[in-house]
C-alpha cells in the first residue's frame, strides 16, 4: 500500500505527524475499499462521507480484538494533557494542522492504524 510505504519513509525522518496523517488516510481508504467490495459498489458515491474509522470498522464487523483497540483509541490526548483530547474521527485534522499529541497516544494511534491496514490487506 503506497500511503503506508510513504508513512514508513516519513517515520524514519522523525515526523510523527506527517506519518500519522498518511497512515490515517491509508487506513481510511483501505477500510472504505473493503466496504465497497462487500457492498458490490463501484465507487464511493454510495458510501456515507465520513472519517470515522470506528463507524466504518463496525460496518465491516472487524474481529473483536480490532474493535477493542479502536475503542481504546476513542480519544487521543493532546500535549500537554491540559489542552484536552481529539477524537479518532478528527485525528487526521490534528495531524494536518500541527496539534501536538501525547507521545504514547500518538504511538498507539500509529500502531492501530497499521493493524487496520494489514487487516484490510488480508481480508
PDB file of N, CA and C in Angstrom:
ATOM      1  N   UNK A   1       0.856  -1.173   0.000  1.00  0.00           N
ATOM      2  CA  UNK A   1       0.000   0.000   0.000  1.00  0.00           C
ATOM      3  C   UNK A   1       0.903   1.237   0.000  1.00  0.00           C
ATOM      4  N   UNK A   2       0.723   2.071  -0.989  1.00  0.00           N
ATOM      5  CA  UNK A   2       1.626   3.190  -1.221  1.00  0.00           C
ATOM      6  C   UNK A   2       1.625   4.208  -0.081  1.00  0.00           C
ATOM      7  N   UNK A   3       0.453   4.540   0.470  1.00  0.00           N
ATOM      8  CA  UNK A   3       0.413   5.516   1.567  1.00  0.00           C
ATOM      9  C   UNK A   3       1.159   5.000   2.794  1.00  0.00           C
ATOM     10  N   UNK A   4       1.010   3.710   3.090  1.00  0.00           N
ATOM     11  CA  UNK A   4       1.721   3.153   4.242  1.00  0.00           C
ATOM     12  C   UNK A   4       3.225   3.178   4.003  1.00  0.00           C
ATOM     13  N   UNK A   5       3.630   2.850   2.788  1.00  0.00           N
ATOM     14  CA  UNK A   5       5.060   2.892   2.464  1.00  0.00           C
ATOM     15  C   UNK A   5       5.606   4.307   2.603  1.00  0.00           C
ATOM     16  N   UNK A   6       4.836   5.290   2.160  1.00  0.00           N
ATOM     17  CA  UNK A   6       5.250   6.692   2.314  1.00  0.00           C
ATOM     18  C   UNK A   6       5.347   7.054   3.783  1.00  0.00           C
ATOM     19  N   UNK A   7       4.396   6.554   4.569  1.00  0.00           N
ATOM     20  CA  UNK A   7       4.419   6.807   6.009  1.00  0.00           C
ATOM     21  C   UNK A   7       5.680   6.227   6.638  1.00  0.00           C
ATOM     22  N   UNK A   8       6.051   5.027   6.213  1.00  0.00           N
ATOM     23  CA  UNK A   8       7.269   4.403   6.742  1.00  0.00           C
ATOM     24  C   UNK A   8       8.493   5.263   6.441  1.00  0.00           C
ATOM     25  N   UNK A   9       8.550   5.803   5.236  1.00  0.00           N
ATOM     26  CA  UNK A   9       9.683   6.651   4.857  1.00  0.00           C
ATOM     27  C   UNK A   9       9.711   7.922   5.691  1.00  0.00           C
ATOM     28  N   UNK A  10       8.541   8.506   5.940  1.00  0.00           N
ATOM     29  CA  UNK A  10       8.461   9.740   6.733  1.00  0.00           C
ATOM     30  C   UNK A  10       8.773   9.453   8.196  1.00  0.00           C
ATOM     31  N   UNK A  11       8.330   8.303   8.701  1.00  0.00           N
ATOM     32  CA  UNK A  11       8.600   7.928  10.088  1.00  0.00           C
ATOM     33  C   UNK A  11      10.101   7.928  10.351  1.00  0.00           C
ATOM     34  N   UNK A  12      10.864   7.471   9.377  1.00  0.00           N
ATOM     35  CA  UNK A  12      12.322   7.421   9.529  1.00  0.00           C
ATOM     36  C   UNK A  12      12.921   8.812   9.726  1.00  0.00           C
ATOM     37  N   UNK A  13      12.231   9.852   9.286  1.00  0.00           N
ATOM     38  CA  UNK A  13      12.732  11.222   9.457  1.00  0.00           C
ATOM     39  C   UNK A  13      12.361  11.797  10.819  1.00  0.00           C
ATOM     40  N   UNK A  14      11.480  11.092  11.556  1.00  0.00           N
ATOM     41  CA  UNK A  14      11.062  11.572  12.869  1.00  0.00           C
ATOM     42  C   UNK A  14       9.832  12.463  12.840  1.00  0.00           C
ATOM     43  N   UNK A  15       9.188  12.605  11.693  1.00  0.00           N
ATOM     44  CA  UNK A  15       7.998  13.445  11.561  1.00  0.00           C
ATOM     45  C   UNK A  15       6.751  12.606  11.837  1.00  0.00           C
ATOM     46  N   UNK A  16       6.417  12.453  13.118  1.00  0.00           N
ATOM     47  CA  UNK A  16       5.308  11.595  13.527  1.00  0.00           C
ATOM     48  C   UNK A  16       3.965  12.091  13.012  1.00  0.00           C
ATOM     49  N   UNK A  17       3.784  13.406  12.925  1.00  0.00           N
ATOM     50  CA  UNK A  17       2.501  13.955  12.480  1.00  0.00           C
ATOM     51  C   UNK A  17       2.233  13.617  11.014  1.00  0.00           C
ATOM     52  N   UNK A  18       3.213  13.821  10.154  1.00  0.00           N
ATOM     53  CA  UNK A  18       3.025  13.513   8.734  1.00  0.00           C
ATOM     54  C   UNK A  18       2.851  12.013   8.534  1.00  0.00           C
ATOM     55  N   UNK A  19       3.632  11.220   9.255  1.00  0.00           N
ATOM     56  CA  UNK A  19       3.494   9.768   9.174  1.00  0.00           C
ATOM     57  C   UNK A  19       2.100   9.347   9.623  1.00  0.00           C
ATOM     58  N   UNK A  20       1.614   9.938  10.705  1.00  0.00           N
ATOM     59  CA  UNK A  20       0.280   9.620  11.199  1.00  0.00           C
ATOM     60  C   UNK A  20      -0.803   9.990  10.208  1.00  0.00           C
ATOM     61  N   UNK A  21      -0.657  11.146   9.591  1.00  0.00           N
ATOM     62  CA  UNK A  21      -1.641  11.594   8.604  1.00  0.00           C
ATOM     63  C   UNK A  21      -1.699  10.621   7.425  1.00  0.00           C
ATOM     64  N   UNK A  22      -0.544  10.202   6.939  1.00  0.00           N
ATOM     65  CA  UNK A  22      -0.513   9.236   5.841  1.00  0.00           C
ATOM     66  C   UNK A  22      -1.111   7.898   6.259  1.00  0.00           C
ATOM     67  N   UNK A  23      -0.808   7.453   7.472  1.00  0.00           N
ATOM     68  CA  UNK A  23      -1.384   6.203   7.969  1.00  0.00           C
ATOM     69  C   UNK A  23      -2.896   6.310   8.103  1.00  0.00           C
ATOM     70  N   UNK A  24      -3.373   7.448   8.608  1.00  0.00           N
ATOM     71  CA  UNK A  24      -4.816   7.630   8.773  1.00  0.00           C
ATOM     72  C   UNK A  24      -5.514   7.496   7.425  1.00  0.00           C
ATOM     73  N   UNK A  25      -5.011   8.212   6.426  1.00  0.00           N
ATOM     74  CA  UNK A  25      -5.646   8.160   5.111  1.00  0.00           C
ATOM     75  C   UNK A  25      -5.508   6.785   4.467  1.00  0.00           C
ATOM     76  N   UNK A  26      -4.393   6.112   4.701  1.00  0.00           N
ATOM     77  CA  UNK A  26      -4.230   4.756   4.181  1.00  0.00           C
ATOM     78  C   UNK A  26      -5.252   3.818   4.811  1.00  0.00           C
ATOM     79  N   UNK A  27      -5.437   3.919   6.127  1.00  0.00           N
ATOM     80  CA  UNK A  27      -6.412   3.074   6.813  1.00  0.00           C
ATOM     81  C   UNK A  27      -7.826   3.408   6.351  1.00  0.00           C
ATOM     82  N   UNK A  28      -8.128   4.691   6.231  1.00  0.00           N
ATOM     83  CA  UNK A  28      -9.463   5.101   5.788  1.00  0.00           C
ATOM     84  C   UNK A  28      -9.755   4.567   4.382  1.00  0.00           C
ATOM     85  N   UNK A  29      -8.819   4.732   3.471  1.00  0.00           N
ATOM     86  CA  UNK A  29      -9.009   4.242   2.100  1.00  0.00           C
ATOM     87  C   UNK A  29      -9.152   2.722   2.076  1.00  0.00           C
ATOM     88  N   UNK A  30      -8.332   2.034   2.850  1.00  0.00           N
ATOM     89  CA  UNK A  30      -8.382   0.575   2.880  1.00  0.00           C
ATOM     90  C   UNK A  30      -9.714   0.081   3.434  1.00  0.00           C
ATOM     91  N   UNK A  31     -10.187   0.682   4.520  1.00  0.00           N
ATOM     92  CA  UNK A  31     -11.472   0.280   5.097  1.00  0.00           C
ATOM     93  C   UNK A  31     -12.616   0.553   4.126  1.00  0.00           C
ATOM     94  N   UNK A  32     -12.594   1.705   3.498  1.00  0.00           N
ATOM     95  CA  UNK A  32     -13.662   2.039   2.547  1.00  0.00           C
ATOM     96  C   UNK A  32     -13.612   1.129   1.321  1.00  0.00           C
ATOM     97  N   UNK A  33     -12.421   0.749   0.895  1.00  0.00           N
ATOM     98  CA  UNK A  33     -12.302  -0.180  -0.230  1.00  0.00           C
ATOM     99  C   UNK A  33     -12.940  -1.512   0.118  1.00  0.00           C
ATOM    100  N   UNK A  34     -12.696  -1.996   1.344  1.00  0.00           N
ATOM    101  CA  UNK A  34     -13.305  -3.261   1.765  1.00  0.00           C
ATOM    102  C   UNK A  34     -14.823  -3.132   1.810  1.00  0.00           C
ATOM    103  N   UNK A  35     -15.321  -1.991   2.254  1.00  0.00           N
ATOM    104  CA  UNK A  35     -16.764  -1.750   2.300  1.00  0.00           C
ATOM    105  C   UNK A  35     -17.349  -1.744   0.886  1.00  0.00           C
ATOM    106  N   UNK A  36     -16.670  -1.113  -0.053  1.00  0.00           N
ATOM    107  CA  UNK A  36     -17.132  -1.094  -1.447  1.00  0.00           C
ATOM    108  C   UNK A  36     -17.221  -2.510  -2.008  1.00  0.00           C
ATOM    109  N   UNK A  37     -16.189  -3.306  -1.763  1.00  0.00           N
ATOM    110  CA  UNK A  37     -16.174  -4.679  -2.260  1.00  0.00           C
ATOM    111  C   UNK A  37     -17.322  -5.471  -1.653  1.00  0.00           C
ATOM    112  N   UNK A  38     -17.498  -5.377  -0.362  1.00  0.00           N
ATOM    113  CA  UNK A  38     -18.548  -6.152   0.303  1.00  0.00           C
ATOM    114  C   UNK A  38     -19.945  -5.734  -0.138  1.00  0.00           C
ATOM    115  N   UNK A  39     -20.127  -4.478  -0.446  1.00  0.00           N
ATOM    116  CA  UNK A  39     -21.436  -3.993  -0.902  1.00  0.00           C
ATOM    117  C   UNK A  39     -21.612  -4.117  -2.414  1.00  0.00           C
ATOM    118  N   UNK A  40     -20.574  -4.497  -3.107  1.00  0.00           N
ATOM    119  CA  UNK A  40     -20.649  -4.620  -4.553  1.00  0.00           C
ATOM    120  C   UNK A  40     -20.769  -3.280  -5.265  1.00  0.00           C
ATOM    121  N   UNK A  41     -20.174  -2.246  -4.680  1.00  0.00           N
ATOM    122  CA  UNK A  41     -20.238  -0.906  -5.267  1.00  0.00           C
ATOM    123  C   UNK A  41     -18.992  -0.636  -6.101  1.00  0.00           C
ATOM    124  N   UNK A  42     -19.148   0.231  -7.098  1.00  0.00           N
ATOM    125  CA  UNK A  42     -18.025   0.558  -7.981  1.00  0.00           C
ATOM    126  C   UNK A  42     -17.300   1.826  -7.570  1.00  0.00           C
ATOM    127  N   UNK A  43     -17.969   2.687  -6.807  1.00  0.00           N
ATOM    128  CA  UNK A  43     -17.320   3.924  -6.357  1.00  0.00           C
ATOM    129  C   UNK A  43     -17.898   4.326  -5.008  1.00  0.00           C
ATOM    130  N   UNK A  44     -17.291   5.341  -4.415  1.00  0.00           N
ATOM    131  CA  UNK A  44     -17.652   5.724  -3.046  1.00  0.00           C
ATOM    132  C   UNK A  44     -18.890   6.615  -2.960  1.00  0.00           C
ATOM    133  N   UNK A  45     -19.532   6.916  -4.079  1.00  0.00           N
ATOM    134  CA  UNK A  45     -20.724   7.770  -4.023  1.00  0.00           C
ATOM    135  C   UNK A  45     -21.849   7.123  -3.211  1.00  0.00           C
ATOM    136  N   UNK A  46     -21.811   5.802  -3.081  1.00  0.00           N
ATOM    137  CA  UNK A  46     -22.821   5.099  -2.297  1.00  0.00           C
ATOM    138  C   UNK A  46     -22.487   4.979  -0.825  1.00  0.00           C
ATOM    139  N   UNK A  47     -21.360   5.534  -0.414  1.00  0.00           N
ATOM    140  CA  UNK A  47     -20.949   5.489   0.992  1.00  0.00           C
ATOM    141  C   UNK A  47     -21.213   6.828   1.660  1.00  0.00           C
ATOM    142  N   UNK A  48     -21.517   6.759   2.940  1.00  0.00           N
ATOM    143  CA  UNK A  48     -21.668   7.988   3.715  1.00  0.00           C
ATOM    144  C   UNK A  48     -20.295   8.657   3.833  1.00  0.00           C
ATOM    145  N   UNK A  49     -20.221   9.969   3.553  1.00  0.00           N
ATOM    146  CA  UNK A  49     -18.923  10.643   3.702  1.00  0.00           C
ATOM    147  C   UNK A  49     -18.561  10.772   5.182  1.00  0.00           C
ATOM    148  N   UNK A  50     -17.509  10.092   5.581  1.00  0.00           N
ATOM    149  CA  UNK A  50     -17.099  10.115   6.985  1.00  0.00           C
ATOM    150  C   UNK A  50     -15.611   9.808   7.102  1.00  0.00           C
ATOM    151  N   UNK A  51     -15.030  10.320   8.169  1.00  0.00           N
ATOM    152  CA  UNK A  51     -13.653   9.968   8.528  1.00  0.00           C
ATOM    153  C   UNK A  51     -13.658   9.128   9.809  1.00  0.00           C
ATOM    154  N   UNK A  52     -14.830   8.683  10.218  1.00  0.00           N
ATOM    155  CA  UNK A  52     -14.975   7.930  11.462  1.00  0.00           C
ATOM    156  C   UNK A  52     -14.590   6.468  11.228  1.00  0.00           C
ATOM    157  N   UNK A  53     -13.354   6.156  11.506  1.00  0.00           N
ATOM    158  CA  UNK A  53     -12.848   4.807  11.267  1.00  0.00           C
ATOM    159  C   UNK A  53     -13.568   3.772  12.123  1.00  0.00           C
ATOM    160  N   UNK A  54     -13.975   4.147  13.313  1.00  0.00           N
ATOM    161  CA  UNK A  54     -14.712   3.215  14.178  1.00  0.00           C
ATOM    162  C   UNK A  54     -16.030   2.823  13.525  1.00  0.00           C
ATOM    163  N   UNK A  55     -16.725   3.797  12.963  1.00  0.00           N
ATOM    164  CA  UNK A  55     -18.013   3.520  12.322  1.00  0.00           C
ATOM    165  C   UNK A  55     -17.829   2.588  11.122  1.00  0.00           C
ATOM    166  N   UNK A  56     -16.824   2.865  10.314  1.00  0.00           N
ATOM    167  CA  UNK A  56     -16.564   2.022   9.144  1.00  0.00           C
ATOM    168  C   UNK A  56     -16.176   0.618   9.597  1.00  0.00           C
ATOM    169  N   UNK A  57     -15.347   0.535  10.616  1.00  0.00           N
ATOM    170  CA  UNK A  57     -14.916  -0.763  11.137  1.00  0.00           C
ATOM    171  C   UNK A  57     -16.103  -1.566  11.660  1.00  0.00           C
ATOM    172  N   UNK A  58     -17.045  -0.903  12.322  1.00  0.00           N
ATOM    173  CA  UNK A  58     -18.231  -1.608  12.821  1.00  0.00           C
ATOM    174  C   UNK A  58     -19.067  -2.140  11.666  1.00  0.00           C
ATOM    175  N   UNK A  59     -19.198  -1.356  10.606  1.00  0.00           N
ATOM    176  CA  UNK A  59     -19.943  -1.824   9.435  1.00  0.00           C
ATOM    177  C   UNK A  59     -19.290  -3.051   8.825  1.00  0.00           C
ATOM    178  N   UNK A  60     -17.981  -3.100   8.862  1.00  0.00           N
ATOM    179  CA  UNK A  60     -17.242  -4.235   8.312  1.00  0.00           C
ATOM    180  C   UNK A  60     -17.220  -5.430   9.257  1.00  0.00           C
ATOM    181  N   UNK A  61     -17.668  -5.233  10.478  1.00  0.00           N
ATOM    182  CA  UNK A  61     -17.660  -6.282  11.505  1.00  0.00           C
ATOM    183  C   UNK A  61     -16.258  -6.868  11.675  1.00  0.00           C
ATOM    184  N   UNK A  62     -15.332  -5.965  11.955  1.00  0.00           N
ATOM    185  CA  UNK A  62     -13.957  -6.385  12.195  1.00  0.00           C
ATOM    186  C   UNK A  62     -13.894  -7.322  13.396  1.00  0.00           C
ATOM    187  N   UNK A  63     -12.855  -8.143  13.476  1.00  0.00           N
ATOM    188  CA  UNK A  63     -12.696  -9.014  14.639  1.00  0.00           C
ATOM    189  C   UNK A  63     -12.715  -8.203  15.939  1.00  0.00           C
ATOM    190  N   UNK A  64     -13.199  -8.835  16.978  1.00  0.00           N
ATOM    191  CA  UNK A  64     -13.377  -8.172  18.268  1.00  0.00           C
ATOM    192  C   UNK A  64     -12.108  -7.476  18.758  1.00  0.00           C
ATOM    193  N   UNK A  65     -10.953  -8.131  18.633  1.00  0.00           N
ATOM    194  CA  UNK A  65      -9.711  -7.527  19.146  1.00  0.00           C
ATOM    195  C   UNK A  65      -9.396  -6.214  18.433  1.00  0.00           C
ATOM    196  N   UNK A  66      -9.739  -6.093  17.162  1.00  0.00           N
ATOM    197  CA  UNK A  66      -9.510  -4.830  16.456  1.00  0.00           C
ATOM    198  C   UNK A  66     -10.492  -3.761  16.921  1.00  0.00           C
ATOM    199  N   UNK A  67     -11.738  -4.164  17.109  1.00  0.00           N
ATOM    200  CA  UNK A  67     -12.735  -3.224  17.623  1.00  0.00           C
ATOM    201  C   UNK A  67     -12.364  -2.704  18.997  1.00  0.00           C
ATOM    202  N   UNK A  68     -11.826  -3.584  19.830  1.00  0.00           N
ATOM    203  CA  UNK A  68     -11.408  -3.167  21.171  1.00  0.00           C
ATOM    204  C   UNK A  68     -10.245  -2.184  21.099  1.00  0.00           C
ATOM    205  N   UNK A  69      -9.308  -2.407  20.188  1.00  0.00           N
ATOM    206  CA  UNK A  69      -8.189  -1.460  20.031  1.00  0.00           C
ATOM    207  C   UNK A  69      -8.705  -0.093  19.592  1.00  0.00           C
ATOM    208  N   UNK A  70      -9.660  -0.079  18.670  1.00  0.00           N
ATOM    209  CA  UNK A  70     -10.251   1.188  18.225  1.00  0.00           C
ATOM    210  C   UNK A  70     -11.004   1.868  19.359  1.00  0.00           C
ATOM    211  N   UNK A  71     -11.715   1.078  20.155  1.00  0.00           N
ATOM    212  CA  UNK A  71     -12.457   1.651  21.285  1.00  0.00           C
ATOM    213  C   UNK A  71     -11.512   2.307  22.286  1.00  0.00           C
ATOM    214  N   UNK A  72     -10.374   1.676  22.540  1.00  0.00           N
ATOM    215  CA  UNK A  72      -9.404   2.258  23.473  1.00  0.00           C
ATOM    216  C   UNK A  72      -8.785   3.538  22.914  1.00  0.00           C
ATOM    217  N   UNK A  73      -8.804   3.666  21.607  1.00  0.00           N
ATOM    218  CA  UNK A  73      -8.225   4.836  20.957  1.00  0.00           C
ATOM    219  C   UNK A  73      -9.298   5.887  20.644  1.00  0.00           C
ATOM    220  N   UNK A  74     -10.409   5.804  21.307  1.00  0.00           N
ATOM    221  CA  UNK A  74     -11.527   6.720  21.048  1.00  0.00           C
ATOM    222  C   UNK A  74     -11.083   8.179  21.077  1.00  0.00           C
ATOM    223  N   UNK A  75     -10.205   8.516  22.006  1.00  0.00           N
ATOM    224  CA  UNK A  75      -9.662   9.872  22.115  1.00  0.00           C
ATOM    225  C   UNK A  75      -8.149   9.801  22.242  1.00  0.00           C
ATOM    226  N   UNK A  76      -7.492  10.728  21.601  1.00  0.00           N
ATOM    227  CA  UNK A  76      -6.037  10.834  21.668  1.00  0.00           C
ATOM    228  C   UNK A  76      -5.728  12.132  22.411  1.00  0.00           C
ATOM    229  N   UNK A  77      -4.992  12.032  23.509  1.00  0.00           N
ATOM    230  CA  UNK A  77      -4.711  13.223  24.316  1.00  0.00           C
ATOM    231  C   UNK A  77      -3.778  14.186  23.597  1.00  0.00           C
ATOM    232  N   UNK A  78      -4.042  15.455  23.800  1.00  0.00           N
ATOM    233  CA  UNK A  78      -3.151  16.491  23.298  1.00  0.00           C
ATOM    234  C   UNK A  78      -2.028  16.689  24.302  1.00  0.00           C
ATOM    235  N   UNK A  79      -0.942  17.272  23.869  1.00  0.00           N
ATOM    236  CA  UNK A  79       0.185  17.555  24.765  1.00  0.00           C
ATOM    237  C   UNK A  79       0.360  19.064  24.867  1.00  0.00           C
ATOM    238  N   UNK A  80       0.373  19.611  26.022  1.00  0.00           N
ATOM    239  CA  UNK A  80       0.180  18.962  27.315  1.00  0.00           C
ATOM    240  C   UNK A  80      -1.277  18.539  27.508  1.00  0.00           C
ATOM    241  N   UNK A  81      -1.469  17.590  28.413  1.00  0.00           N
ATOM    242  CA  UNK A  81      -2.788  16.988  28.629  1.00  0.00           C
ATOM    243  C   UNK A  81      -3.854  18.011  29.010  1.00  0.00           C
ATOM    244  N   UNK A  82      -3.459  19.132  29.549  1.00  0.00           N
ATOM    245  CA  UNK A  82      -4.433  20.155  29.951  1.00  0.00           C
ATOM    246  C   UNK A  82      -5.153  20.761  28.748  1.00  0.00           C
ATOM    247  N   UNK A  83      -4.643  20.511  27.544  1.00  0.00           N
ATOM    248  CA  UNK A  83      -5.271  21.050  26.335  1.00  0.00           C
ATOM    249  C   UNK A  83      -6.430  20.197  25.857  1.00  0.00           C
ATOM    250  N   UNK A  84      -6.656  19.045  26.480  1.00  0.00           N
ATOM    251  CA  UNK A  84      -7.787  18.201  26.107  1.00  0.00           C
ATOM    252  C   UNK A  84      -7.377  17.025  25.243  1.00  0.00           C
ATOM    253  N   UNK A  85      -8.307  16.620  24.376  1.00  0.00           N
ATOM    254  CA  UNK A  85      -8.053  15.463  23.524  1.00  0.00           C
ATOM    255  C   UNK A  85      -8.761  15.646  22.186  1.00  0.00           C
ATOM    256  N   UNK A  86      -8.440  14.769  21.267  1.00  0.00           N
ATOM    257  CA  UNK A  86      -9.043  14.792  19.936  1.00  0.00           C
ATOM    258  C   UNK A  86      -9.617  13.401  19.665  1.00  0.00           C
ATOM    259  N   UNK A  87     -10.807  13.355  19.058  1.00  0.00           N
ATOM    260  CA  UNK A  87     -11.435  12.071  18.766  1.00  0.00           C
ATOM    261  C   UNK A  87     -10.709  11.375  17.622  1.00  0.00           C
ATOM    262  N   UNK A  88     -10.890  10.080  17.550  1.00  0.00           N
ATOM    263  CA  UNK A  88     -10.285   9.305  16.473  1.00  0.00           C
ATOM    264  C   UNK A  88     -10.734   9.831  15.111  1.00  0.00           C
ATOM    265  N   UNK A  89     -12.005  10.183  14.981  1.00  0.00           N
ATOM    266  CA  UNK A  89     -12.526  10.678  13.701  1.00  0.00           C
ATOM    267  C   UNK A  89     -11.878  11.995  13.283  1.00  0.00           C
ATOM    268  N   UNK A  90     -11.379  12.765  14.245  1.00  0.00           N
ATOM    269  CA  UNK A  90     -10.756  14.058  13.943  1.00  0.00           C
ATOM    270  C   UNK A  90      -9.232  14.023  14.000  1.00  0.00           C
ATOM    271  N   UNK A  91      -8.683  12.850  14.218  1.00  0.00           N
ATOM    272  CA  UNK A  91      -7.238  12.724  14.377  1.00  0.00           C
ATOM    273  C   UNK A  91      -6.480  13.212  13.141  1.00  0.00           C
ATOM    274  N   UNK A  92      -7.024  12.960  11.964  1.00  0.00           N
ATOM    275  CA  UNK A  92      -6.350  13.410  10.736  1.00  0.00           C
ATOM    276  C   UNK A  92      -6.213  14.928  10.712  1.00  0.00           C
ATOM    277  N   UNK A  93      -7.204  15.637  11.243  1.00  0.00           N
ATOM    278  CA  UNK A  93      -7.125  17.097  11.272  1.00  0.00           C
ATOM    279  C   UNK A  93      -6.086  17.577  12.281  1.00  0.00           C
ATOM    280  N   UNK A  94      -5.992  16.883  13.404  1.00  0.00           N
ATOM    281  CA  UNK A  94      -4.980  17.254  14.403  1.00  0.00           C
ATOM    282  C   UNK A  94      -3.591  17.160  13.782  1.00  0.00           C
ATOM    283  N   UNK A  95      -3.345  16.075  13.059  1.00  0.00           N
ATOM    284  CA  UNK A  95      -2.044  15.916  12.409  1.00  0.00           C
ATOM    285  C   UNK A  95      -1.861  16.934  11.290  1.00  0.00           C
ATOM    286  N   UNK A  96      -2.906  17.174  10.528  1.00  0.00           N
ATOM    287  CA  UNK A  96      -2.795  18.102   9.393  1.00  0.00           C
ATOM    288  C   UNK A  96      -2.469  19.513   9.848  1.00  0.00           C
ATOM    289  N   UNK A  97      -3.073  19.930  10.969  1.00  0.00           N
ATOM    290  CA  UNK A  97      -2.905  21.312  11.418  1.00  0.00           C
ATOM    291  C   UNK A  97      -1.873  21.481  12.520  1.00  0.00           C
ATOM    292  N   UNK A  98      -1.101  20.432  12.798  1.00  0.00           N
ATOM    293  CA  UNK A  98       0.051  20.562  13.676  1.00  0.00           C
ATOM    294  C   UNK A  98      -0.206  20.497  15.166  1.00  0.00           C
ATOM    295  N   UNK A  99      -1.328  19.916  15.582  1.00  0.00           N
ATOM    296  CA  UNK A  99      -1.574  19.762  17.018  1.00  0.00           C
ATOM    297  C   UNK A  99      -0.532  18.809  17.602  1.00  0.00           C
ATOM    298  N   UNK A 100      -0.040  19.130  18.775  1.00  0.00           N
ATOM    299  CA  UNK A 100       0.938  18.284  19.464  1.00  0.00           C
ATOM    300  C   UNK A 100       0.171  17.248  20.274  1.00  0.00           C
ATOM    301  N   UNK A 101       0.419  15.972  20.000  1.00  0.00           N
ATOM    302  CA  UNK A 101      -0.283  14.888  20.677  1.00  0.00           C
ATOM    303  C   UNK A 101       0.596  14.248  21.742  1.00  0.00           C
ATOM    304  N   UNK A 102      -0.051  13.654  22.725  1.00  0.00           N
ATOM    305  CA  UNK A 102       0.645  12.869  23.735  1.00  0.00           C
ATOM    306  C   UNK A 102       1.435  11.774  23.009  1.00  0.00           C
ATOM    307  N   UNK A 103       2.705  11.635  23.317  1.00  0.00           N
ATOM    308  CA  UNK A 103       3.584  10.706  22.591  1.00  0.00           C
ATOM    309  C   UNK A 103       3.085   9.263  22.646  1.00  0.00           C
ATOM    310  N   UNK A 104       2.634   8.815  23.818  1.00  0.00           N
ATOM    311  CA  UNK A 104       2.160   7.434  23.950  1.00  0.00           C
ATOM    312  C   UNK A 104       0.888   7.213  23.135  1.00  0.00           C
ATOM    313  N   UNK A 105      -0.033   8.180  23.183  1.00  0.00           N
ATOM    314  CA  UNK A 105      -1.274   8.057  22.416  1.00  0.00           C
ATOM    315  C   UNK A 105      -0.993   8.086  20.917  1.00  0.00           C
ATOM    316  N   UNK A 106      -0.059   8.934  20.508  1.00  0.00           N
ATOM    317  CA  UNK A 106       0.274   9.021  19.087  1.00  0.00           C
ATOM    318  C   UNK A 106       0.901   7.713  18.602  1.00  0.00           C
ATOM    319  N   UNK A 107       1.769   7.140  19.413  1.00  0.00           N
ATOM    320  CA  UNK A 107       2.391   5.862  19.064  1.00  0.00           C
ATOM    321  C   UNK A 107       1.330   4.772  18.945  1.00  0.00           C
ATOM    322  N   UNK A 108       0.386   4.751  19.879  1.00  0.00           N
ATOM    323  CA  UNK A 108      -0.712   3.775  19.840  1.00  0.00           C
ATOM    324  C   UNK A 108      -1.562   3.978  18.589  1.00  0.00           C
ATOM    325  N   UNK A 109      -1.838   5.227  18.239  1.00  0.00           N
ATOM    326  CA  UNK A 109      -2.635   5.519  17.045  1.00  0.00           C
ATOM    327  C   UNK A 109      -1.936   4.980  15.799  1.00  0.00           C
ATOM    328  N   UNK A 110      -0.639   5.207  15.688  1.00  0.00           N
ATOM    329  CA  UNK A 110       0.121   4.700  14.539  1.00  0.00           C
ATOM    330  C   UNK A 110       0.013   3.176  14.474  1.00  0.00           C
ATOM    331  N   UNK A 111       0.167   2.537  15.623  1.00  0.00           N
ATOM    332  CA  UNK A 111       0.125   1.075  15.667  1.00  0.00           C
ATOM    333  C   UNK A 111      -1.245   0.551  15.250  1.00  0.00           C
ATOM    334  N   UNK A 112      -2.306   1.140  15.788  1.00  0.00           N
ATOM    335  CA  UNK A 112      -3.661   0.694  15.457  1.00  0.00           C
ATOM    336  C   UNK A 112      -3.950   0.909  13.972  1.00  0.00           C
ATOM    337  N   UNK A 113      -3.533   2.028  13.431  1.00  0.00           N
ATOM    338  CA  UNK A 113      -3.759   2.291  12.008  1.00  0.00           C
ATOM    339  C   UNK A 113      -3.027   1.268  11.142  1.00  0.00           C
ATOM    340  N   UNK A 114      -1.813   0.912  11.530  1.00  0.00           N
ATOM    341  CA  UNK A 114      -1.068  -0.111  10.783  1.00  0.00           C
ATOM    342  C   UNK A 114      -1.781  -1.465  10.850  1.00  0.00           C
ATOM    343  N   UNK A 115      -2.323  -1.786  12.009  1.00  0.00           N
ATOM    344  CA  UNK A 115      -3.047  -3.052  12.177  1.00  0.00           C
ATOM    345  C   UNK A 115      -4.296  -3.068  11.296  1.00  0.00           C
ATOM    346  N   UNK A 116      -5.009  -1.953  11.237  1.00  0.00           N
ATOM    347  CA  UNK A 116      -6.197  -1.869  10.379  1.00  0.00           C
ATOM    348  C   UNK A 116      -5.827  -2.074   8.907  1.00  0.00           C
ATOM    349  N   UNK A 117      -4.754  -1.437   8.486  1.00  0.00           N
ATOM    350  CA  UNK A 117      -4.314  -1.572   7.093  1.00  0.00           C
ATOM    351  C   UNK A 117      -3.973  -3.032   6.788  1.00  0.00           C
ATOM    352  N   UNK A 118      -3.246  -3.667   7.686  1.00  0.00           N
ATOM    353  CA  UNK A 118      -2.874  -5.068   7.494  1.00  0.00           C
ATOM    354  C   UNK A 118      -4.106  -5.951   7.421  1.00  0.00           C
ATOM    355  N   UNK A 119      -5.094  -5.702   8.282  1.00  0.00           N
ATOM    356  CA  UNK A 119      -6.334  -6.481   8.244  1.00  0.00           C
ATOM    357  C   UNK A 119      -7.013  -6.338   6.884  1.00  0.00           C
ATOM    358  N   UNK A 120      -7.082  -5.126   6.387  1.00  0.00           N
ATOM    359  CA  UNK A 120      -7.724  -4.882   5.088  1.00  0.00           C
ATOM    360  C   UNK A 120      -6.994  -5.619   3.968  1.00  0.00           C
ATOM    361  N   UNK A 121      -5.681  -5.647   4.035  1.00  0.00           N
ATOM    362  CA  UNK A 121      -4.900  -6.342   3.007  1.00  0.00           C
ATOM    363  C   UNK A 121      -5.168  -7.841   3.023  1.00  0.00           C
ATOM    364  N   UNK A 122      -5.483  -8.382   4.178  1.00  0.00           N
ATOM    365  CA  UNK A 122      -5.692  -9.827   4.312  1.00  0.00           C
ATOM    366  C   UNK A 122      -7.146 -10.237   4.132  1.00  0.00           C
ATOM    367  N   UNK A 123      -8.060  -9.281   4.216  1.00  0.00           N
ATOM    368  CA  UNK A 123      -9.495  -9.592   4.135  1.00  0.00           C
ATOM    369  C   UNK A 123      -9.852 -10.080   2.742  1.00  0.00           C
TER     370      UNK A 123
END
